[in-house]
C-alpha cells in the first residue's frame, strides 16, 4: 500500500480502481460503443436466451469491448460463440451495437 500512496492522485485508471467518481449508468468503453440497444434488449429478452455479438473485422479492442458490453447488459441471457447456435444476434456497426436477428 505504501507504493500506491506515493503515486500522485489523478483522473487516470488508478482513481477509477480506487473508487473515485462513478461513470453513471453506462460505463466508459475503450472504444466508441453505444450499447443502448443491448441494455434495452437485456431487459426485454427472456432469461436464458442464447445470444451472439458479432464484431468480426474489427480490432481486438473493439471485439473485447463489444463482448464485455454483451456480458454486462445481457447477464440474464447466455453468450454463445457460434452465430448459428444463437437465438438473437447483435453486431457492431460504426460505433453502435445493432440487432441482426432475433433481438
Protein backbone atom coordinates (compact mmCIF):
# COMPACT_ATOMS: atom_id res chain seq x y z
CA UNK A 1 0.00 0.00 0.00
CA UNK A 2 2.89 2.35 0.55
CA UNK A 3 3.65 2.33 -3.18
CA UNK A 4 0.08 3.27 -4.04
CA UNK A 5 0.15 6.12 -1.55
CA UNK A 6 3.24 7.54 -3.24
CA UNK A 7 1.55 7.75 -6.67
CA UNK A 8 0.10 11.21 -7.39
CA UNK A 9 -3.71 11.27 -7.48
CA UNK A 10 -5.07 11.77 -10.99
CA UNK A 11 -8.12 11.11 -13.13
CA UNK A 12 -6.44 8.03 -14.58
CA UNK A 13 -7.20 4.35 -14.09
CA UNK A 14 -5.81 4.32 -10.54
CA UNK A 15 -8.53 6.71 -9.42
CA UNK A 16 -11.24 4.56 -11.03
CA UNK A 17 -9.87 1.45 -9.33
CA UNK A 18 -9.63 3.25 -6.01
CA UNK A 19 -13.34 4.06 -6.05
CA UNK A 20 -13.35 7.59 -7.37
CA UNK A 21 -16.29 9.22 -9.09
CA UNK A 22 -18.73 6.83 -10.78
CA UNK A 23 -19.26 6.83 -14.52
CA UNK A 24 -23.05 6.86 -14.44
CA UNK A 25 -25.46 4.34 -15.92
CA UNK A 26 -23.17 3.43 -18.81
CA UNK A 27 -19.52 2.51 -18.41
CA UNK A 28 -16.78 4.24 -20.37
CA UNK A 29 -15.68 1.78 -23.02
CA UNK A 30 -12.19 1.92 -24.51
CA UNK A 31 -13.67 2.42 -27.98
CA UNK A 32 -16.66 4.31 -29.38
CA UNK A 33 -19.50 2.00 -28.40
CA UNK A 34 -23.18 2.83 -27.95
CA UNK A 35 -24.60 -0.21 -26.19
CA UNK A 36 -28.08 1.19 -25.51
CA UNK A 37 -29.60 -1.50 -27.75
CA UNK A 38 -28.03 -4.20 -25.59
CA UNK A 39 -29.33 -2.56 -22.42
CA UNK A 40 -32.88 -2.41 -23.80
CA UNK A 41 -32.75 -5.95 -25.19
CA UNK A 42 -31.31 -7.34 -21.97
CA UNK A 43 -34.37 -6.12 -20.11
CA UNK A 44 -36.75 -7.47 -22.76
CA UNK A 45 -35.27 -10.82 -23.85
CA UNK A 46 -36.20 -13.94 -21.88
CA UNK A 47 -33.97 -15.44 -19.23
CA UNK A 48 -31.52 -17.98 -20.66
CA UNK A 49 -31.88 -16.94 -24.31
CA UNK A 50 -28.69 -17.66 -26.30
CA UNK A 51 -27.11 -14.58 -27.94
CA UNK A 52 -24.14 -13.82 -30.18
CA UNK A 53 -22.31 -10.50 -30.58
CA UNK A 54 -20.58 -10.09 -33.96
CA UNK A 55 -17.62 -7.73 -34.12
CA UNK A 56 -15.69 -9.61 -36.82
CA UNK A 57 -13.40 -7.48 -38.94
CA UNK A 58 -12.70 -5.04 -36.12
CA UNK A 59 -9.73 -4.70 -33.80
CA UNK A 60 -9.26 -6.97 -30.80
CA UNK A 61 -10.03 -3.97 -28.58
CA UNK A 62 -13.42 -3.41 -30.26
CA UNK A 63 -14.19 -7.14 -30.10
CA UNK A 64 -13.33 -7.24 -26.39
CA UNK A 65 -15.42 -4.17 -25.59
CA UNK A 66 -18.41 -5.50 -27.56
CA UNK A 67 -18.14 -8.81 -25.73
CA UNK A 68 -17.91 -7.03 -22.36
CA UNK A 69 -20.98 -4.92 -23.20
CA UNK A 70 -22.90 -8.08 -24.02
CA UNK A 71 -21.88 -9.70 -20.76
CA UNK A 72 -22.87 -6.58 -18.82
CA UNK A 73 -26.25 -5.86 -20.37
CA UNK A 74 -27.24 -9.42 -21.31
CA UNK A 75 -26.26 -11.00 -17.99
CA UNK A 76 -29.58 -12.89 -17.77
CA UNK A 77 -29.01 -14.44 -21.21
CA UNK A 78 -26.33 -16.92 -22.36
CA UNK A 79 -23.49 -15.96 -24.73
CA UNK A 80 -22.52 -18.40 -27.49
CA UNK A 81 -19.50 -18.32 -29.80
CA UNK A 82 -21.25 -19.57 -32.95
CA UNK A 83 -23.95 -17.44 -34.57
CA UNK A 84 -25.92 -20.50 -35.72
CA UNK A 85 -26.43 -21.55 -32.06
CA UNK A 86 -27.80 -18.11 -31.09
CA UNK A 87 -31.45 -17.20 -30.75
CA UNK A 88 -30.56 -13.49 -31.04
CA UNK A 89 -27.58 -11.86 -32.76
CA UNK A 90 -26.14 -8.37 -32.43
CA UNK A 91 -23.45 -6.67 -34.48
CA UNK A 92 -21.00 -3.81 -34.03
CA UNK A 93 -21.58 -1.24 -36.78
CA UNK A 94 -19.94 2.20 -36.80
CA UNK A 95 -19.76 2.55 -33.03
CA UNK A 96 -23.20 1.11 -32.29
CA UNK A 97 -24.42 -2.35 -31.35
CA UNK A 98 -27.42 -3.21 -33.53
CA UNK A 99 -29.75 -6.21 -33.64
CA UNK A 100 -29.03 -8.60 -36.51
CA UNK A 101 -31.69 -11.22 -35.79
CA UNK A 102 -33.98 -12.30 -33.01
CA UNK A 103 -33.35 -9.18 -30.93
